N, C-alpha and C. Protein backbone atom coordinates (compact mmCIF):
# COMPACT_ATOMS: atom_id res chain seq x y z
N MET A 1 -25.35 -17.19 16.81
CA MET A 1 -25.06 -16.61 15.61
C MET A 1 -25.63 -15.53 14.81
N ASN A 2 -27.55 -15.72 14.26
CA ASN A 2 -26.96 -15.36 13.63
C ASN A 2 -27.78 -13.80 14.10
N LYS A 3 -28.48 -14.40 15.52
CA LYS A 3 -28.56 -13.60 16.13
C LYS A 3 -28.19 -11.96 16.41
N PHE A 4 -26.95 -12.54 16.64
CA PHE A 4 -25.53 -11.83 16.73
C PHE A 4 -25.52 -10.67 15.52
N HIS A 5 -25.38 -11.54 14.47
CA HIS A 5 -25.13 -10.78 13.18
C HIS A 5 -26.38 -9.74 12.63
N GLY A 6 -27.02 -9.94 13.68
CA GLY A 6 -28.66 -9.62 13.18
C GLY A 6 -28.35 -8.14 13.91
N ASN A 7 -28.46 -8.54 15.25
CA ASN A 7 -27.61 -7.33 16.47
C ASN A 7 -26.70 -6.27 15.73
N LYS A 8 -25.71 -7.34 15.27
CA LYS A 8 -24.56 -5.81 14.35
C LYS A 8 -25.35 -5.20 13.62
N ALA A 9 -25.51 -5.97 12.65
CA ALA A 9 -26.62 -5.39 10.81
C ALA A 9 -27.48 -4.30 11.34
N GLN A 10 -28.15 -3.88 12.73
CA GLN A 10 -29.04 -3.09 12.98
C GLN A 10 -28.30 -2.21 13.82
N ARG A 11 -27.36 -2.58 14.73
CA ARG A 11 -26.53 -1.22 14.72
C ARG A 11 -25.47 -0.52 13.77
N VAL A 12 -25.39 -1.37 12.70
CA VAL A 12 -24.55 -0.43 11.65
C VAL A 12 -25.82 -0.15 11.15
N ALA A 13 -27.56 0.21 11.18
CA ALA A 13 -27.87 0.30 10.15
C ALA A 13 -28.55 1.88 11.15
N ALA A 14 -28.38 1.67 12.41
CA ALA A 14 -29.13 2.71 13.11
C ALA A 14 -27.57 3.65 12.54
N ALA A 15 -26.86 3.57 13.27
CA ALA A 15 -25.57 4.58 13.21
C ALA A 15 -25.25 5.26 11.37
N ILE A 16 -26.00 4.99 11.23
CA ILE A 16 -25.52 5.49 9.71
C ILE A 16 -26.89 6.60 9.66
N ALA A 17 -27.89 5.47 10.16
CA ALA A 17 -29.59 6.51 9.77
C ALA A 17 -29.01 7.60 11.57
N THR A 18 -28.29 7.18 11.77
CA THR A 18 -28.16 8.29 12.98
C THR A 18 -26.89 9.40 12.73
N ALA A 19 -26.20 9.39 11.81
CA ALA A 19 -24.70 10.14 10.85
C ALA A 19 -25.44 11.36 9.93
N ALA A 20 -26.55 10.15 9.13
CA ALA A 20 -27.62 11.24 8.41
C ALA A 20 -28.45 12.08 8.95
N VAL A 21 -28.98 11.70 9.71
CA VAL A 21 -29.47 12.78 10.18
C VAL A 21 -28.64 13.99 10.88
N LEU A 22 -27.40 14.15 11.49
CA LEU A 22 -26.71 14.62 11.67
C LEU A 22 -26.12 15.45 11.13
N ALA A 23 -25.93 14.71 9.59
CA ALA A 23 -25.33 15.75 8.56
C ALA A 23 -26.39 16.31 8.13
N ALA A 24 -27.29 16.15 8.49
CA ALA A 24 -28.82 16.40 7.36
C ALA A 24 -29.26 17.63 8.29
N GLY A 25 -28.85 18.20 10.34
CA GLY A 25 -28.87 19.47 10.37
C GLY A 25 -28.32 20.43 10.00
N LEU A 26 -26.29 19.94 10.35
CA LEU A 26 -25.01 20.17 10.54
C LEU A 26 -25.34 21.06 8.79
N LEU A 27 -25.71 20.62 8.16
CA LEU A 27 -26.10 21.22 6.60
C LEU A 27 -27.05 22.38 6.19
N THR A 28 -28.03 21.63 7.27
CA THR A 28 -29.52 23.04 7.12
C THR A 28 -28.99 24.02 8.15
N THR A 29 -28.14 23.90 9.51
CA THR A 29 -27.99 25.01 9.78
C THR A 29 -26.62 25.23 8.91
N THR A 30 -25.92 25.32 8.52
CA THR A 30 -24.77 25.87 7.71
C THR A 30 -25.77 26.86 6.51
N ALA A 31 -26.94 26.14 5.97
CA ALA A 31 -27.04 26.05 4.74
C ALA A 31 -27.85 27.75 5.31
N SER A 32 -28.71 28.35 6.51
CA SER A 32 -29.44 29.34 6.96
C SER A 32 -28.39 30.68 7.25
N MET A 33 -27.66 30.11 8.20
CA MET A 33 -25.78 31.01 8.29
C MET A 33 -25.69 31.62 6.93
N ALA A 34 -25.50 30.99 6.22
CA ALA A 34 -24.79 31.49 4.99
C ALA A 34 -25.93 32.03 3.97
N SER A 35 -27.26 31.47 4.35
CA SER A 35 -28.71 32.80 4.01
C SER A 35 -28.53 34.21 5.15
N SER A 36 -28.43 33.53 5.47
CA SER A 36 -28.31 34.90 7.14
C SER A 36 -27.06 36.74 6.30
N PHE A 37 -26.21 35.77 6.09
CA PHE A 37 -24.84 36.70 5.93
C PHE A 37 -25.20 37.34 3.99
N ASP A 38 -26.28 36.09 3.03
CA ASP A 38 -26.17 36.50 1.81
C ASP A 38 -27.34 37.00 1.59
N ASN A 39 -28.16 37.31 3.11
CA ASN A 39 -29.73 38.49 2.92
C ASN A 39 -28.87 39.32 3.29
N LYS A 40 -28.31 39.48 4.01
CA LYS A 40 -27.25 40.98 4.69
C LYS A 40 -26.53 41.22 3.88
N MET A 41 -26.00 40.81 2.23
CA MET A 41 -25.21 41.39 2.15
C MET A 41 -25.67 41.94 0.76
N ALA A 42 -27.03 41.23 0.43
CA ALA A 42 -27.81 41.96 -1.26
C ALA A 42 -28.50 43.24 -1.02
N SER A 43 -28.83 43.02 0.91
CA SER A 43 -29.54 44.11 1.65
C SER A 43 -28.27 45.58 1.39
N VAL A 44 -27.71 45.19 1.77
CA VAL A 44 -26.03 46.01 1.28
C VAL A 44 -25.93 46.62 0.56
N ILE A 45 -26.14 45.83 -0.39
CA ILE A 45 -25.87 45.29 -2.23
C ILE A 45 -26.79 47.13 -3.12
N ALA A 46 -27.79 46.94 -2.27
CA ALA A 46 -28.99 47.57 -2.95
C ALA A 46 -29.24 48.58 -2.27
N LYS A 47 -28.46 48.93 -1.44
CA LYS A 47 -28.42 50.35 -0.68
C LYS A 47 -27.08 51.06 -1.09
N VAL A 48 -26.32 50.28 -1.44
CA VAL A 48 -25.08 50.90 -1.85
C VAL A 48 -25.33 51.67 -3.39
N LYS A 49 -26.34 51.31 -4.12
CA LYS A 49 -26.35 50.89 -5.97
C LYS A 49 -27.61 52.38 -5.38
N ALA A 50 -27.53 52.69 -4.85
CA ALA A 50 -29.32 53.47 -4.49
C ALA A 50 -28.56 54.74 -4.28
N ASP A 51 -27.68 54.40 -3.61
CA ASP A 51 -26.79 56.47 -3.18
C ASP A 51 -25.76 56.86 -3.91
N PRO A 52 -26.06 57.86 -4.06
CA PRO A 52 -25.21 58.85 -5.64
C PRO A 52 -23.92 58.24 -4.97
N ASN A 53 -24.25 59.17 -3.71
CA ASN A 53 -22.58 59.46 -3.28
C ASN A 53 -21.33 58.53 -3.18
N TYR A 54 -22.49 57.16 -3.32
CA TYR A 54 -21.53 55.46 -2.81
C TYR A 54 -19.84 55.53 -3.95
N LYS A 55 -19.30 55.46 -3.90
CA LYS A 55 -17.93 55.21 -4.96
C LYS A 55 -17.88 54.40 -5.07
N PRO A 56 -17.62 53.57 -6.06
CA PRO A 56 -18.01 51.21 -6.44
C PRO A 56 -16.91 51.38 -6.12
N ILE A 57 -16.27 49.26 -5.61
CA ILE A 57 -15.03 49.70 -5.75
C ILE A 57 -14.88 48.82 -6.75
N PRO A 58 -13.75 49.09 -7.79
CA PRO A 58 -13.24 47.99 -8.72
C PRO A 58 -13.29 46.82 -8.34
N MET A 59 -14.13 45.84 -8.96
CA MET A 59 -14.04 44.54 -8.14
C MET A 59 -13.68 44.24 -9.87
N GLN A 60 -12.94 43.94 -11.50
CA GLN A 60 -13.15 43.30 -12.44
C GLN A 60 -12.47 41.31 -11.43
N ALA A 61 -11.50 41.99 -11.25
CA ALA A 61 -10.93 40.63 -11.37
C ALA A 61 -11.56 38.92 -10.33
N ALA A 62 -12.18 38.01 -10.56
CA ALA A 62 -12.29 36.82 -9.78
C ALA A 62 -12.55 36.80 -8.05
N VAL A 63 -10.94 36.59 -8.23
CA VAL A 63 -10.24 36.72 -6.90
C VAL A 63 -9.71 37.99 -5.61
N ASP A 64 -10.62 38.93 -6.34
CA ASP A 64 -11.13 40.34 -6.01
C ASP A 64 -12.83 40.24 -4.82
N ARG A 65 -13.00 39.99 -6.21
CA ARG A 65 -14.89 40.05 -5.51
C ARG A 65 -14.60 38.57 -3.98
N GLU A 66 -13.92 37.83 -4.49
CA GLU A 66 -13.64 36.67 -3.56
C GLU A 66 -13.95 36.91 -2.41
N TRP A 67 -12.44 38.36 -1.67
CA TRP A 67 -11.63 38.33 -1.46
C TRP A 67 -12.52 39.44 -0.55
N PHE A 68 -13.01 40.33 -1.57
CA PHE A 68 -14.03 41.57 -0.85
C PHE A 68 -15.41 40.51 0.01
N PHE A 69 -15.66 39.38 -0.94
CA PHE A 69 -16.99 38.64 -0.07
C PHE A 69 -16.45 38.54 1.62
N LYS A 70 -15.32 37.50 0.57
CA LYS A 70 -14.94 36.70 2.66
C LYS A 70 -14.66 37.36 3.56
N GLU A 71 -14.21 38.74 3.39
CA GLU A 71 -13.98 40.01 4.46
C GLU A 71 -14.90 40.15 4.67
N SER A 72 -16.15 40.52 3.67
CA SER A 72 -17.42 41.00 3.76
C SER A 72 -18.37 39.96 4.87
N GLU A 73 -17.85 38.95 5.06
CA GLU A 73 -18.18 37.72 6.16
C GLU A 73 -17.55 37.51 7.03
N ALA A 74 -16.58 37.90 7.11
CA ALA A 74 -15.56 38.18 8.72
C ALA A 74 -16.20 39.17 9.45
N LEU A 75 -16.52 40.01 8.77
CA LEU A 75 -16.85 41.39 9.62
C LEU A 75 -18.51 40.88 9.93
N TYR A 76 -19.17 40.65 9.17
CA TYR A 76 -20.11 40.26 9.19
C TYR A 76 -20.87 39.59 10.74
N LYS A 77 -19.76 38.32 10.33
CA LYS A 77 -19.36 36.99 11.53
C LYS A 77 -18.58 37.27 12.88
N ASN A 78 -18.09 38.57 12.53
CA ASN A 78 -17.71 39.56 14.20
C ASN A 78 -15.91 38.41 14.43
N LYS A 79 -16.26 37.68 13.00
CA LYS A 79 -14.43 37.65 13.00
C LYS A 79 -13.42 38.32 13.04
N ILE A 80 -13.82 39.79 12.26
CA ILE A 80 -12.68 40.25 12.91
C ILE A 80 -13.26 41.29 12.90
N THR A 81 -12.55 42.95 13.20
CA THR A 81 -13.37 44.21 13.47
C THR A 81 -13.74 45.20 12.49
N LYS A 82 -14.93 45.71 12.68
CA LYS A 82 -14.61 46.90 11.93
C LYS A 82 -12.83 47.94 11.05
N GLU A 83 -12.26 48.03 12.52
CA GLU A 83 -11.52 48.43 12.01
C GLU A 83 -9.83 47.70 10.84
N GLN A 84 -10.51 46.36 11.46
CA GLN A 84 -9.43 45.74 10.57
C GLN A 84 -10.05 45.60 9.04
N TYR A 85 -11.57 45.35 8.99
CA TYR A 85 -11.96 45.58 8.04
C TYR A 85 -12.20 47.19 6.84
N LEU A 86 -11.84 47.87 7.44
CA LEU A 86 -11.31 48.99 6.66
C LEU A 86 -9.93 49.33 6.65
N ALA A 87 -9.01 49.04 7.57
CA ALA A 87 -7.75 49.07 6.59
C ALA A 87 -7.13 47.58 5.92
N ASP A 88 -8.20 47.14 6.62
CA ASP A 88 -8.51 45.51 4.88
C ASP A 88 -8.06 46.13 3.18
N GLY A 89 -9.83 47.06 3.62
CA GLY A 89 -9.90 46.87 2.04
C GLY A 89 -9.54 48.36 1.56
N GLU A 90 -8.44 49.34 2.38
CA GLU A 90 -8.12 50.65 2.31
C GLU A 90 -6.68 50.08 1.32
N LYS A 91 -6.37 48.98 2.02
CA LYS A 91 -4.77 47.82 1.22
C LYS A 91 -4.97 47.58 0.18
N GLN A 92 -6.06 46.63 0.07
CA GLN A 92 -6.61 45.89 -1.16
C GLN A 92 -7.19 47.26 -2.04
N PHE A 93 -7.67 48.11 -1.58
CA PHE A 93 -8.07 49.05 -3.10
C PHE A 93 -8.32 50.55 -2.41
N PRO A 94 -6.39 50.76 -1.97
CA PRO A 94 -6.25 52.56 -2.42
C PRO A 94 -7.55 53.38 -2.67
N GLY A 95 -7.93 54.43 -1.78
CA GLY A 95 -8.37 55.43 -2.06
C GLY A 95 -9.97 54.80 -1.88
N TYR A 96 -10.59 53.73 -1.86
CA TYR A 96 -11.63 53.68 -1.68
C TYR A 96 -12.40 53.31 -0.09
N GLY A 97 -12.04 53.90 1.10
CA GLY A 97 -11.47 54.24 2.93
C GLY A 97 -13.36 54.57 2.89
N ALA A 98 -14.06 55.30 2.49
CA ALA A 98 -15.18 55.49 2.39
C ALA A 98 -16.18 54.93 2.03
N SER A 99 -15.46 53.84 1.20
CA SER A 99 -16.97 52.73 -0.33
C SER A 99 -17.11 52.21 1.19
N PHE A 100 -15.54 51.66 1.82
CA PHE A 100 -15.49 50.17 3.03
C PHE A 100 -16.13 51.08 4.41
N SER A 101 -16.15 51.78 4.79
CA SER A 101 -16.83 52.57 5.35
C SER A 101 -18.17 52.11 5.74
N GLU A 102 -19.00 52.61 4.74
CA GLU A 102 -20.23 52.98 4.64
C GLU A 102 -20.51 51.34 4.59
N LEU A 103 -19.82 49.90 4.00
CA LEU A 103 -20.54 49.27 4.03
C LEU A 103 -20.05 48.62 5.35
N ALA A 104 -18.87 48.96 5.94
CA ALA A 104 -19.00 48.46 7.63
C ALA A 104 -20.03 49.07 8.64
N ASP A 105 -20.49 50.22 8.11
CA ASP A 105 -21.63 51.10 9.02
C ASP A 105 -22.92 49.99 8.55
N LEU A 106 -23.13 49.40 7.16
CA LEU A 106 -24.43 48.83 7.35
C LEU A 106 -23.92 47.41 7.48
N LEU A 107 -23.09 46.60 7.26
CA LEU A 107 -23.03 45.08 7.53
C LEU A 107 -23.20 45.15 8.73
N THR A 108 -23.18 45.69 9.57
CA THR A 108 -22.65 45.79 11.19
C THR A 108 -23.73 46.50 11.62
N GLY A 109 -24.69 47.25 10.85
CA GLY A 109 -25.76 47.68 11.47
C GLY A 109 -26.95 46.46 11.61
N SER A 110 -28.05 47.10 11.88
CA SER A 110 -29.27 46.34 11.98
C SER A 110 -30.00 45.90 10.57
C-alpha cells in the first residue's frame, strides 16, 4: 500500500510541476504579446508627439484612455478593421477622424 501512495504522490507532484511549467510558458507568451503592442504604442506615441500637424485626442478621463488602448490593441492584433477603428474613433471623439486615421496607419504599418 505504501508503494501505491508513493506512486500517487509522485504522480501528483509531477502533475503540479507540469502545471507550473505550462503556466510559466503561458505567462511568458502573454507578456511577450503585450510587450509587442506596448512597444508599438510607444513608437506611435513618439511619432505623433513629434508631428506638429497631429491633433491630440482629448482623453482626460481614465475610461477614455482605457477605451482608446483597447480599441488600438484590437486594431493592432487584427481583431477589428481599420475602417471599424476609424468609425469607432469618430463616434467616441467627433472631429478627430484625421487623428485616428494617422494612428491607424502607424499601428498597422511596419
